Protein backbone atom coordinates (compact mmCIF):
# COMPACT_ATOMS: atom_id res chain seq x y z
CA MET A 1 -26.93 -51.20 -35.52
CA ASN A 2 -27.60 -49.87 -31.76
CA ARG A 3 -24.55 -51.33 -30.60
CA ALA A 4 -22.58 -49.71 -33.56
CA LEU A 5 -23.59 -46.27 -32.89
CA LEU A 6 -23.30 -46.55 -28.98
CA LEU A 7 -19.36 -47.88 -29.82
CA LEU A 8 -19.35 -44.98 -32.05
CA SER A 9 -20.56 -42.43 -29.40
CA LEU A 10 -18.02 -43.92 -26.73
CA LEU A 11 -14.76 -43.56 -29.00
CA TRP A 12 -15.89 -39.88 -29.59
CA VAL A 13 -16.11 -39.43 -26.11
CA ALA A 14 -12.99 -41.30 -25.12
CA GLY A 15 -10.91 -39.10 -27.72
CA MET A 16 -12.87 -35.79 -26.59
CA ARG A 17 -11.81 -36.63 -23.08
CA THR A 18 -8.12 -37.25 -23.30
CA HIS A 19 -5.83 -39.14 -26.00
CA ALA A 20 -4.37 -40.81 -22.99
CA GLN A 21 -6.80 -42.84 -21.99
CA GLU A 22 -6.88 -46.81 -22.20
CA ILE A 23 -10.28 -48.15 -23.72
CA ILE A 24 -10.65 -51.55 -21.16
CA THR A 25 -13.55 -53.89 -22.06
CA LEU A 26 -14.79 -56.55 -19.57
CA LYS A 27 -13.01 -58.94 -21.07
CA ARG A 28 -9.21 -56.96 -20.68
CA ALA A 29 -10.33 -56.25 -17.62
CA MET A 30 -10.69 -59.93 -16.49
CA GLU A 31 -7.55 -60.52 -18.43
CA ILE A 32 -5.62 -58.20 -16.27
CA ALA A 33 -7.13 -59.55 -13.03
CA LEU A 34 -6.56 -63.28 -13.38
CA ILE A 35 -2.78 -61.97 -13.86
CA ASN A 36 -2.45 -59.14 -11.04
CA SER A 37 -4.79 -60.38 -8.53
CA PRO A 38 -3.21 -61.66 -5.06
CA ASP A 39 -6.06 -63.74 -4.03
CA LEU A 40 -5.89 -65.73 -7.37
CA ARG A 41 -2.57 -65.98 -7.38
CA GLN A 42 -2.57 -67.35 -3.82
CA ALA A 43 -4.86 -69.66 -4.64
CA GLU A 44 -2.70 -70.79 -8.12
CA LEU A 45 0.04 -71.32 -5.66
CA SER A 46 -2.38 -73.27 -3.20
CA LEU A 47 -3.12 -75.58 -6.47
CA GLU A 48 0.20 -76.25 -7.86
CA ARG A 49 1.51 -77.53 -3.93
CA SER A 50 -1.20 -80.17 -4.20
CA GLN A 51 -0.57 -80.78 -7.59
CA ARG A 52 3.49 -81.50 -6.80
CA ASN A 53 2.36 -83.61 -3.74
CA LEU A 54 -0.21 -85.67 -5.63
CA ASP A 55 2.55 -86.29 -8.21
CA ALA A 56 4.73 -86.87 -5.57
CA GLN A 57 2.57 -89.30 -4.01
CA ARG A 58 1.82 -91.35 -7.20
CA ALA A 59 5.77 -91.95 -8.20
CA GLY A 60 6.03 -93.29 -4.41
CA LEU A 61 3.96 -96.06 -6.08
CA LYS A 62 6.74 -97.12 -8.50
CA SER A 63 9.66 -98.85 -7.85
CA LEU A 64 12.33 -97.34 -5.58
CA PHE A 65 15.96 -97.90 -6.21
CA SER A 66 18.48 -97.13 -3.76
CA PHE A 67 22.31 -97.76 -3.36
CA THR A 68 24.15 -97.34 -0.04
CA ALA A 69 27.98 -97.12 -0.12
CA ASN A 70 30.32 -98.26 2.71
CA PRO A 71 33.69 -97.56 1.27
CA VAL A 72 35.66 -97.71 4.62
CA GLU A 73 34.78 -98.78 8.02
CA TYR A 74 37.77 -99.77 10.18
CA SER A 75 37.52 -100.41 13.98
CA LYS A 76 40.22 -101.71 16.80
CA SER A 77 39.41 -102.70 20.04
CA THR A 78 40.26 -104.94 23.31
CA GLN A 79 37.48 -107.07 24.06
CA PHE A 80 37.54 -109.69 27.59
CA ASP A 81 37.09 -113.14 26.89
CA SER A 82 35.20 -114.41 29.96
CA PHE A 83 35.07 -118.13 29.19
CA ASN A 84 38.80 -117.68 29.71
CA ALA A 85 38.81 -114.65 32.05
CA LYS A 86 41.28 -112.85 29.35
CA TRP A 87 41.44 -109.76 27.44
CA PHE A 88 42.60 -110.23 23.50
CA ASN A 89 42.94 -107.48 20.72
CA GLY A 90 40.48 -107.53 17.81
CA GLU A 91 41.09 -105.33 14.20
CA ARG A 92 38.63 -105.27 11.41
CA PHE A 93 38.10 -103.69 8.09
CA LYS A 94 35.14 -103.58 5.81
CA SER A 95 33.98 -102.14 2.56
CA GLY A 96 31.18 -102.72 1.02
CA SER A 97 27.42 -101.69 -0.25
CA THR A 98 23.74 -102.34 -0.61
CA PHE A 99 21.29 -102.05 -3.33
CA GLN A 100 17.64 -102.51 -2.94
CA ILE A 101 14.54 -102.51 -4.94
CA GLU A 102 11.18 -101.63 -3.43
CA GLN A 103 7.87 -101.89 -4.95
CA PRO A 104 4.95 -100.62 -3.11
CA ILE A 105 1.52 -102.85 -4.06
CA LEU A 106 -1.14 -100.27 -4.13
CA ALA A 107 -3.88 -103.30 -4.61
CA THR A 108 -3.13 -104.73 -1.23
CA GLY A 109 -0.91 -102.30 0.84
CA GLY A 110 2.08 -104.76 0.77
CA THR A 111 5.55 -104.25 -0.25
CA LEU A 112 7.69 -106.48 -2.16
CA PHE A 113 12.01 -106.06 -2.42
CA LEU A 114 15.12 -107.33 -3.96
CA THR A 115 18.14 -106.55 -1.83
CA ASP A 116 22.18 -107.46 -2.61
CA ASN A 117 24.42 -107.24 -0.11
CA PHE A 118 28.12 -107.27 -0.98
CA TYR A 119 31.16 -106.66 0.79
CA TRP A 120 35.02 -107.14 1.29
CA GLN A 121 36.26 -107.90 5.38
CA TYR A 122 39.55 -108.41 6.79
CA ASN A 123 39.61 -109.48 10.51
CA ASN A 124 42.70 -109.77 12.75
CA THR A 125 41.97 -111.31 15.75
CA GLU A 126 43.52 -113.33 18.76
CA LYS A 127 41.96 -116.74 19.05
CA TYR A 128 43.01 -118.63 22.28
CA ASP A 129 45.21 -122.23 21.86
CA LYS A 130 44.57 -124.64 24.75
CA ASP A 131 47.42 -126.68 23.54
CA LEU A 132 49.89 -123.01 23.76
CA GLU A 133 47.92 -122.14 26.83
CA GLN A 134 48.15 -118.50 25.03
CA TYR A 135 46.25 -116.38 22.50
CA VAL A 136 47.39 -116.71 18.81
CA PRO A 137 46.75 -114.02 15.86
CA GLU A 138 44.06 -115.21 13.33
CA VAL A 139 43.82 -113.17 10.15
CA SER A 140 41.06 -113.64 7.57
CA ARG A 141 40.51 -112.37 4.35
CA GLU A 142 36.78 -113.02 2.32
CA PHE A 143 34.57 -111.71 0.39
CA TYR A 144 30.64 -111.84 0.78
CA ASN A 145 27.46 -111.62 -0.89
CA GLY A 146 24.11 -112.09 0.10
CA LEU A 147 21.01 -111.68 -2.04
CA ARG A 148 17.63 -112.00 -1.10
CA ILE A 149 14.17 -111.39 -2.29
CA GLY A 150 10.67 -110.81 -0.09
CA PHE A 151 7.42 -109.62 0.61
CA GLU A 152 5.62 -107.64 3.49
CA GLN A 153 1.87 -107.39 3.73
CA PRO A 154 -0.63 -106.11 6.53
CA ILE A 155 -3.15 -108.20 7.41
CA PHE A 156 -6.78 -107.92 9.13
CA GLN A 157 -6.90 -103.60 8.83
CA PHE A 158 -7.23 -101.41 5.62
CA ASN A 159 -4.98 -100.25 2.78
CA GLN A 160 -2.56 -97.38 4.30
CA LEU A 161 -1.60 -96.99 0.69
CA LYS A 162 -4.62 -96.93 -1.02
CA TYR A 163 -5.95 -94.72 1.74
CA ASP A 164 -3.01 -92.05 1.51
CA LEU A 165 -3.04 -91.95 -1.95
CA MET A 166 -6.63 -91.15 -2.38
CA ASP A 167 -6.47 -88.30 0.67
CA ILE A 168 -4.09 -86.36 -1.35
CA GLU A 169 -5.99 -86.74 -4.36
CA LEU A 170 -9.11 -85.59 -2.65
CA ASN A 171 -7.28 -82.70 -1.31
CA TYR A 172 -5.73 -81.76 -4.91
CA GLU A 173 -9.53 -81.80 -6.11
CA ASN A 174 -10.67 -79.39 -2.70
CA THR A 175 -7.62 -77.21 -3.73
CA LEU A 176 -8.73 -77.29 -7.16
CA LEU A 177 -12.45 -76.56 -6.47
CA ASN A 178 -11.00 -73.38 -4.34
CA TYR A 179 -9.26 -72.05 -6.93
CA LEU A 180 -11.77 -72.41 -9.86
CA LEU A 181 -14.18 -70.69 -6.94
CA GLN A 182 -11.79 -67.89 -6.45
CA ARG A 183 -11.88 -67.58 -10.09
CA LEU A 184 -15.68 -67.05 -10.45
CA ALA A 185 -15.57 -65.01 -7.26
CA LEU A 186 -13.26 -62.74 -9.27
CA GLU A 187 -14.84 -62.60 -12.30
CA ARG A 188 -17.93 -61.33 -10.54
CA ASN A 189 -16.13 -58.79 -8.54
CA VAL A 190 -14.42 -57.34 -11.57
CA SER A 191 -17.93 -57.52 -13.44
CA MET A 192 -19.27 -55.40 -10.46
CA ALA A 193 -16.68 -52.61 -10.49
CA PHE A 194 -16.43 -52.66 -14.18
CA TYR A 195 -20.22 -52.29 -14.70
CA GLU A 196 -20.31 -49.44 -11.92
CA VAL A 197 -17.64 -47.46 -13.49
CA TYR A 198 -19.61 -47.72 -16.86
CA GLU A 199 -22.67 -46.48 -15.03
CA ALA A 200 -20.86 -43.57 -13.96
CA GLN A 201 -19.61 -42.84 -17.13
CA MET A 202 -23.29 -42.80 -18.27
CA SER A 203 -24.25 -40.87 -15.59
CA LEU A 204 -21.46 -38.34 -16.06
CA ASP A 205 -22.70 -38.33 -19.82
CA ILE A 206 -25.79 -37.70 -19.00
CA ALA A 207 -25.14 -35.00 -16.88
CA LYS A 208 -23.03 -32.94 -19.41
CA SER A 209 -26.20 -33.48 -21.67
CA GLU A 210 -28.20 -32.07 -19.13
CA LEU A 211 -25.81 -29.12 -18.50
CA GLN A 212 -25.81 -28.48 -22.13
CA ASN A 213 -29.36 -28.16 -22.47
CA ASN A 214 -29.49 -25.94 -19.47
CA GLU A 215 -26.93 -23.82 -21.01
CA GLU A 216 -29.04 -23.51 -24.39
CA SER A 217 -31.87 -22.64 -22.05
CA TYR A 218 -30.20 -20.01 -19.81
CA ARG A 219 -29.00 -18.65 -23.37
CA ILE A 220 -32.85 -18.27 -24.50
CA ILE A 221 -34.01 -17.02 -21.50
CA SER A 222 -31.56 -14.56 -21.37
CA ASN A 223 -32.48 -13.04 -24.83
CA LYS A 224 -36.30 -13.11 -23.68
CA VAL A 225 -35.38 -11.55 -20.86
CA GLU A 226 -33.11 -8.82 -23.06
CA GLY A 227 -35.81 -8.46 -25.38
CA GLY A 228 -38.35 -7.69 -22.61
CA LEU A 229 -40.35 -11.18 -23.43
CA ALA A 230 -40.07 -12.69 -20.13
CA ALA A 231 -39.85 -12.13 -16.75
CA LEU A 232 -36.51 -11.72 -14.70
CA GLU A 233 -37.46 -14.68 -12.25
CA GLU A 234 -37.07 -16.84 -15.46
CA LEU A 235 -33.70 -16.09 -15.70
CA TYR A 236 -33.15 -16.60 -12.13
CA GLN A 237 -34.58 -20.02 -12.22
CA ALA A 238 -32.33 -20.84 -15.34
CA GLU A 239 -29.35 -19.62 -13.07
CA VAL A 240 -30.29 -22.12 -10.65
CA ASN A 241 -30.97 -24.62 -13.24
CA LEU A 242 -27.31 -24.24 -14.75
CA ALA A 243 -25.87 -24.15 -11.24
CA SER A 244 -27.38 -27.39 -10.65
CA SER A 245 -26.36 -29.02 -13.80
CA LYS A 246 -22.58 -27.99 -12.99
CA SER A 247 -22.75 -29.45 -9.68
CA SER A 248 -23.96 -32.58 -11.07
CA VAL A 249 -21.45 -32.92 -13.17
CA SER A 250 -18.89 -32.21 -10.83
CA ASN A 251 -20.21 -34.50 -8.39
CA GLY A 252 -20.41 -36.83 -11.79
CA GLN A 253 -16.75 -37.01 -11.99
CA VAL A 254 -15.86 -37.05 -8.65
CA SER A 255 -17.77 -40.34 -8.45
CA LEU A 256 -16.05 -41.53 -11.81
CA GLU A 257 -13.13 -40.93 -10.25
CA ASN A 258 -13.74 -42.99 -6.84
CA LEU A 259 -14.92 -46.18 -8.84
CA LYS A 260 -11.84 -45.98 -11.24
CA ASP A 261 -9.61 -46.29 -8.34
CA ALA A 262 -11.84 -49.08 -6.90
CA PHE A 263 -11.86 -50.72 -10.19
CA LYS A 264 -7.82 -50.43 -10.32
CA ILE A 265 -7.63 -51.64 -7.14
CA ALA A 266 -10.09 -54.91 -7.87
CA VAL A 267 -8.08 -56.03 -11.02
CA GLY A 268 -4.78 -54.97 -10.08
CA MET A 269 -3.95 -51.70 -12.61
CA ASP A 270 -1.60 -48.81 -12.04
CA LEU A 271 -3.63 -46.34 -9.65
CA ASP A 272 -1.90 -43.64 -12.31
CA GLU A 273 -3.59 -45.17 -15.19
CA ASP A 274 -6.14 -43.68 -17.12
CA PHE A 275 -8.83 -45.50 -18.45
CA MET A 276 -12.45 -45.39 -20.25
CA ALA A 277 -14.67 -48.70 -19.81
CA MET A 278 -16.04 -49.73 -23.00
CA ALA A 279 -19.28 -52.03 -22.81
CA SER A 280 -22.16 -53.07 -24.90
CA VAL A 281 -25.12 -53.11 -22.43
CA GLU A 282 -27.47 -53.91 -25.01
CA ILE A 283 -29.08 -57.31 -23.83
CA THR A 284 -30.91 -60.07 -25.89
CA PRO A 285 -32.75 -62.41 -23.18
CA VAL A 286 -32.20 -65.75 -22.80
CA PHE A 287 -34.64 -68.43 -22.16
CA VAL A 288 -34.04 -70.37 -18.32
CA ASP A 289 -35.86 -73.06 -16.93
CA GLN A 290 -36.57 -73.34 -13.51
CA LYS A 291 -36.29 -76.94 -13.40
CA GLN A 292 -33.83 -76.83 -15.61
CA SER A 293 -31.54 -74.36 -13.61
CA VAL A 294 -31.78 -76.42 -10.67
CA SER A 295 -30.82 -79.67 -12.07
CA TYR A 296 -27.67 -77.69 -13.36
CA ALA A 297 -26.56 -76.36 -10.21
CA LEU A 298 -27.02 -79.83 -8.01
CA GLY A 299 -24.87 -81.59 -10.73
CA ASN A 300 -22.50 -79.14 -11.33
CA ARG A 301 -21.84 -76.97 -8.04
CA MET A 302 -18.49 -77.02 -6.63
CA GLU A 303 -19.62 -76.69 -3.31
CA ILE A 304 -21.56 -80.10 -3.14
CA ARG A 305 -18.63 -81.71 -4.60
CA GLN A 306 -16.74 -80.15 -1.72
CA ARG A 307 -18.86 -80.83 1.18
CA GLU A 308 -19.08 -84.54 -0.69
CA ILE A 309 -15.15 -84.26 -0.12
CA SER A 310 -15.50 -83.69 3.58
CA ILE A 311 -18.01 -86.85 3.98
CA GLN A 312 -15.63 -88.76 1.96
CA GLN A 313 -12.24 -87.96 4.22
CA ASN A 314 -14.35 -88.37 7.42
CA GLN A 315 -15.40 -91.67 6.24
CA PHE A 316 -11.73 -92.36 5.55
CA ALA A 317 -10.86 -90.89 9.35
CA LEU A 318 -13.43 -93.54 10.73
CA ILE A 319 -12.13 -96.52 8.73
CA GLU A 320 -8.48 -95.68 10.01
CA THR A 321 -9.92 -95.19 13.28
CA LYS A 322 -11.48 -98.55 13.35
CA SER A 323 -8.52 -100.43 11.57
CA THR A 324 -5.64 -98.81 14.09
CA ILE A 325 -7.10 -98.15 17.67
CA ASN A 326 -6.97 -101.60 19.56
CA ASP A 327 -7.97 -103.34 16.54
CA PHE A 328 -7.22 -106.95 15.98
CA GLN A 329 -4.64 -107.04 12.89
CA GLY A 330 -1.39 -108.62 11.90
CA SER A 331 1.05 -109.09 9.41
CA ILE A 332 2.86 -111.77 7.10
CA SER A 333 6.35 -111.47 5.97
CA GLY A 334 8.69 -113.75 4.03
CA SER A 335 11.99 -113.95 1.99
CA TYR A 336 14.06 -115.76 0.39
CA GLY A 337 17.80 -115.87 0.28
CA PHE A 338 21.16 -116.92 -0.34
CA SER A 339 24.73 -115.54 0.26
CA GLY A 340 28.43 -116.74 -0.26
CA VAL A 341 31.78 -116.40 1.49
CA ASN A 342 34.92 -117.15 0.18
CA PRO A 343 38.60 -115.43 0.13
CA GLN A 344 38.69 -115.64 -3.48
CA PHE A 345 35.62 -113.10 -5.89
CA GLY A 346 35.23 -115.89 -8.04
CA ASN A 347 34.33 -118.54 -5.81
CA ILE A 348 31.82 -116.85 -3.79
CA TYR A 349 28.88 -119.01 -4.56
CA ASN A 350 31.11 -122.43 -4.88
CA THR A 351 29.28 -123.51 -1.43
CA PRO A 352 25.90 -121.03 -1.20
CA THR A 353 24.04 -121.14 2.10
CA ASN A 354 20.44 -120.60 1.70
CA GLU A 355 18.32 -118.50 3.92
CA PRO A 356 14.88 -118.69 3.84
CA ASN A 357 12.53 -116.86 6.32
CA PHE A 358 8.74 -116.76 7.10
CA ALA A 359 6.73 -114.82 9.65
CA ILE A 360 3.42 -114.05 10.78
CA THR A 361 2.82 -111.62 13.63
CA LEU A 362 -0.49 -110.64 14.94
CA ASN A 363 -1.88 -108.19 17.43
CA ILE A 364 -4.92 -109.28 19.94
CA PRO A 365 -6.15 -106.41 21.43
CA ILE A 366 -7.57 -107.14 24.92
CA PHE A 367 -9.19 -104.64 27.03
CA ASP A 368 -9.13 -100.57 26.12
CA TRP A 369 -11.91 -98.78 28.61
CA GLY A 370 -14.18 -98.07 26.02
CA ARG A 371 -11.67 -95.77 23.87
CA ARG A 372 -12.04 -97.46 20.47
CA ARG A 373 -15.87 -97.26 21.09
CA ASN A 374 -15.81 -93.27 22.04
CA LEU A 375 -13.17 -92.48 18.69
CA ILE A 376 -15.31 -94.17 16.88
CA LYS A 377 -18.86 -92.21 17.88
CA ALA A 378 -16.89 -89.30 17.91
CA ALA A 379 -16.22 -89.97 13.94
CA GLU A 380 -19.90 -91.30 13.20
CA ALA A 381 -21.07 -87.85 14.83
CA THR A 382 -18.76 -85.96 12.61
CA ILE A 383 -19.79 -87.88 9.31
CA GLN A 384 -23.37 -86.97 10.19
CA SER A 385 -22.82 -83.61 10.64
CA SER A 386 -20.99 -83.47 7.33
CA GLU A 387 -24.17 -84.91 5.83
CA ILE A 388 -26.28 -82.29 7.08
CA ASP A 389 -23.65 -79.84 5.68
CA LEU A 390 -24.38 -81.26 2.13
CA GLU A 391 -28.37 -81.02 2.51
CA ASN A 392 -28.22 -77.55 3.70
CA GLU A 393 -25.60 -76.71 0.72
CA LYS A 394 -28.25 -77.97 -1.47
CA ARG A 395 -31.56 -76.31 -0.01
CA ASP A 396 -29.34 -73.15 -0.26
CA ILE A 397 -28.18 -73.59 -3.88
CA ILE A 398 -31.87 -74.19 -4.61
CA ILE A 399 -33.29 -71.16 -3.07
CA ASN A 400 -30.46 -68.92 -4.89
CA VAL A 401 -31.58 -70.03 -8.08
CA ARG A 402 -34.62 -69.97 -8.18
CA GLN A 403 -33.99 -66.32 -6.90
CA VAL A 404 -32.17 -65.54 -9.72
CA TYR A 405 -34.65 -67.14 -11.66
CA ARG A 406 -37.55 -64.98 -10.47
CA SER A 407 -35.25 -61.88 -10.53
CA LEU A 408 -34.39 -62.33 -13.94
CA GLY A 409 -37.98 -62.37 -15.32
CA ASN A 410 -38.53 -59.39 -13.48
CA LEU A 411 -35.59 -57.67 -14.77
CA LYS A 412 -36.70 -58.48 -18.46
CA ASN A 413 -40.00 -56.77 -17.36
CA GLN A 414 -38.38 -53.84 -16.20
CA ILE A 415 -35.84 -53.66 -19.06
CA GLU A 416 -39.04 -53.15 -21.16
CA ILE A 417 -40.85 -50.53 -18.80
CA ALA A 418 -37.10 -48.56 -18.61
CA ARG A 419 -37.20 -48.51 -22.72
CA LEU A 420 -40.81 -47.10 -22.90
CA ASN A 421 -39.87 -44.40 -20.16
CA VAL A 422 -37.00 -43.14 -22.09
CA LYS A 423 -38.88 -43.01 -25.38
CA ASN A 424 -41.84 -41.21 -23.73
CA ALA A 425 -39.52 -39.05 -21.85
CA GLN A 426 -37.87 -38.06 -24.75
CA LEU A 427 -40.39 -37.16 -26.67
CA THR A 428 -41.91 -34.98 -23.84
CA PHE A 429 -39.11 -33.06 -23.06
CA ASP A 430 -38.47 -32.75 -27.05
CA ILE A 431 -42.24 -31.31 -27.06
CA ASN A 432 -41.93 -29.18 -24.07
CA GLN A 433 -38.41 -27.56 -25.16
CA GLU A 434 -40.32 -26.06 -28.34
CA ARG A 435 -42.99 -24.74 -25.73
CA TYR A 436 -40.23 -23.32 -23.81
CA LYS A 437 -38.52 -21.72 -26.54
CA ASN A 438 -42.18 -20.18 -27.64
CA GLY A 439 -42.63 -18.92 -23.87
CA ASP A 440 -45.47 -21.29 -22.78
CA ILE A 441 -43.64 -23.04 -19.99
CA THR A 442 -41.24 -21.55 -17.48
CA GLY A 443 -37.21 -23.01 -17.37
CA MET A 444 -38.72 -24.68 -13.97
CA ASP A 445 -41.16 -26.62 -15.84
CA LEU A 446 -38.38 -27.70 -18.48
CA ASN A 447 -35.75 -28.42 -15.82
CA LEU A 448 -38.58 -31.25 -14.34
CA TYR A 449 -38.86 -32.77 -17.91
CA GLN A 450 -34.96 -32.78 -18.63
CA THR A 451 -34.46 -34.20 -14.59
CA GLN A 452 -37.11 -37.06 -15.94
CA LEU A 453 -35.40 -37.91 -19.20
CA SER A 454 -31.79 -38.12 -17.39
CA ASN A 455 -33.74 -40.19 -14.89
CA SER A 456 -35.19 -42.23 -17.33
CA LYS A 457 -32.05 -42.95 -19.39
CA MET A 458 -30.35 -44.13 -16.26
CA SER A 459 -32.78 -46.20 -15.02
CA LEU A 460 -32.67 -48.13 -18.55
CA THR A 461 -28.50 -48.42 -17.98
CA GLN A 462 -29.01 -50.07 -14.78
CA ALA A 463 -31.72 -52.21 -15.72
CA LEU A 464 -29.71 -53.41 -18.61
CA ILE A 465 -26.44 -53.77 -16.18
CA ASP A 466 -28.96 -55.56 -13.54
CA TYR A 467 -29.51 -58.09 -16.20
CA LYS A 468 -26.25 -59.06 -16.98
CA ILE A 469 -25.06 -59.06 -13.30
CA GLU A 470 -27.67 -61.37 -12.78
CA LEU A 471 -26.96 -63.33 -15.88
CA LEU A 472 -23.92 -63.66 -14.70
CA ASN A 473 -24.84 -64.95 -11.13
CA LEU A 474 -26.92 -67.53 -12.79
CA LYS A 475 -24.07 -68.73 -14.48
CA ILE A 476 -21.98 -69.02 -11.35
CA GLN A 477 -25.19 -70.68 -9.53
CA THR A 478 -25.23 -73.03 -11.98
CA LEU A 479 -21.75 -73.32 -13.81
CA TYR A 480 -23.74 -73.51 -17.13
CA ASP A 481 -23.30 -70.45 -19.60
CA TYR A 482 -27.00 -69.81 -20.89
CA GLU A 483 -25.95 -66.94 -23.66
CA ASN A 484 -23.78 -69.79 -25.04
CA ASN A 485 -25.55 -72.53 -24.11
CA VAL A 486 -22.40 -75.03 -22.96
CA SER A 487 -21.74 -76.03 -19.21
CA ILE A 488 -18.32 -74.65 -17.77
CA VAL A 489 -17.55 -77.25 -15.42
CA PRO A 490 -13.69 -77.89 -15.59
CA GLN A 491 -12.83 -81.74 -17.07
CA GLU A 492 -10.22 -82.28 -14.06
CA LEU A 493 -13.75 -82.30 -12.38
CA VAL A 494 -14.99 -85.24 -13.98
CA SER A 495 -11.80 -87.43 -14.02
CA PRO A 496 -12.05 -90.81 -12.18
CA THR A 497 -10.31 -91.14 -8.81
CA ILE A 498 -9.11 -94.61 -6.79
CA ASP A 499 -11.76 -96.06 -5.29
CA ILE A 500 -10.69 -96.57 -1.55
CA ASN A 501 -12.75 -100.10 -1.14
């Protein structure tokens, strides 16, 4: 019932103010801000960039097909035959292509490959004939095809392929966390700005109501003075009260317009667009358990996950330092293929040639003057620093949740006290307004009761708004919506990632 009356009163006030005003709810304000906020847009672009990088890295784990064409290659040169101490001419024309498939192996960090090299070649060279004691032309026209399958595998070192994927996944998750934190910060800022406008509207409406009461009081005292039923100084005091009320209305209007401009900037609205904030500040207190809230916060807070990501990345850096800086490492490579050469295309493999290949390479460091040891110590110190940051973050979160919990309990009491004050102030004002009409009290006395009523109404409104803001703060602190009893942790943050070990 109270909410319905509040809604009707706000709509009536809106119609009285101007027909051009747009009615803005908190939900609508957030929708506008999500579209227009430049900070959130930047965070969205960073998230998209990280997502694209992750997609590209995952695509790189699939088979890579490549084709290289060399349609024309021609050369003609004069060369020196050092054995016969004579110069001779050589001419060469070649046309061919290479097809290759590469398959990275995520589990080991190695690579499988398949290569096929095909070309046709024309050679015209001068060969020295000992019998004739001169160079004679020798022409060859041949088709060539070589097929080879093999592998390359690093050994005694960490898996660079898996590390790169994990690093990009962590970067994406960190960017996602930044984006979600930006959204929560935006929600808080918009809510604060929205309720500031709403409070200014209520303050202005109360000031206008106070002005109406003082105008009525001024009318009554004027009639009494004219009839000789009241002293002239009562009229002077009524004029002061009336002027003060008009000043309060004017100040309230200026304050409201300034807060509206700040709100428009916060949500990205057109500065020339007029609006009225519509909200229901009636609240239903929710039950909050302190230990449960701390548990939600420690389990859900994205800042903790960011600290954990920092530790993981520093651990990867330590592994990389140990594995790449003057460390014993090596590689194994092997392949098997066969090739054929023949002037006739169909006879290329009449007499194929087998081409096996196998190699083991080892890198054995001897002495580096302590370079590797110092780099490892530096990386370990960075990890310890990140772990300290994580513990500090957890302590700060626990303290903040406790403070919000205590504040909510206190605000509940303040709301009840404020409601009782409004009720008593209204009854007191009504009684003394009748006494003023009967001439039992002065206008100055009535103005005190009027001010008391106005202040009590504003105190109640402020207490209700403070409770809503603090409840939103608890939602941000714990990532749990106590009003709807649901967790707001995004599903993207609970998806599994690849283990580097």
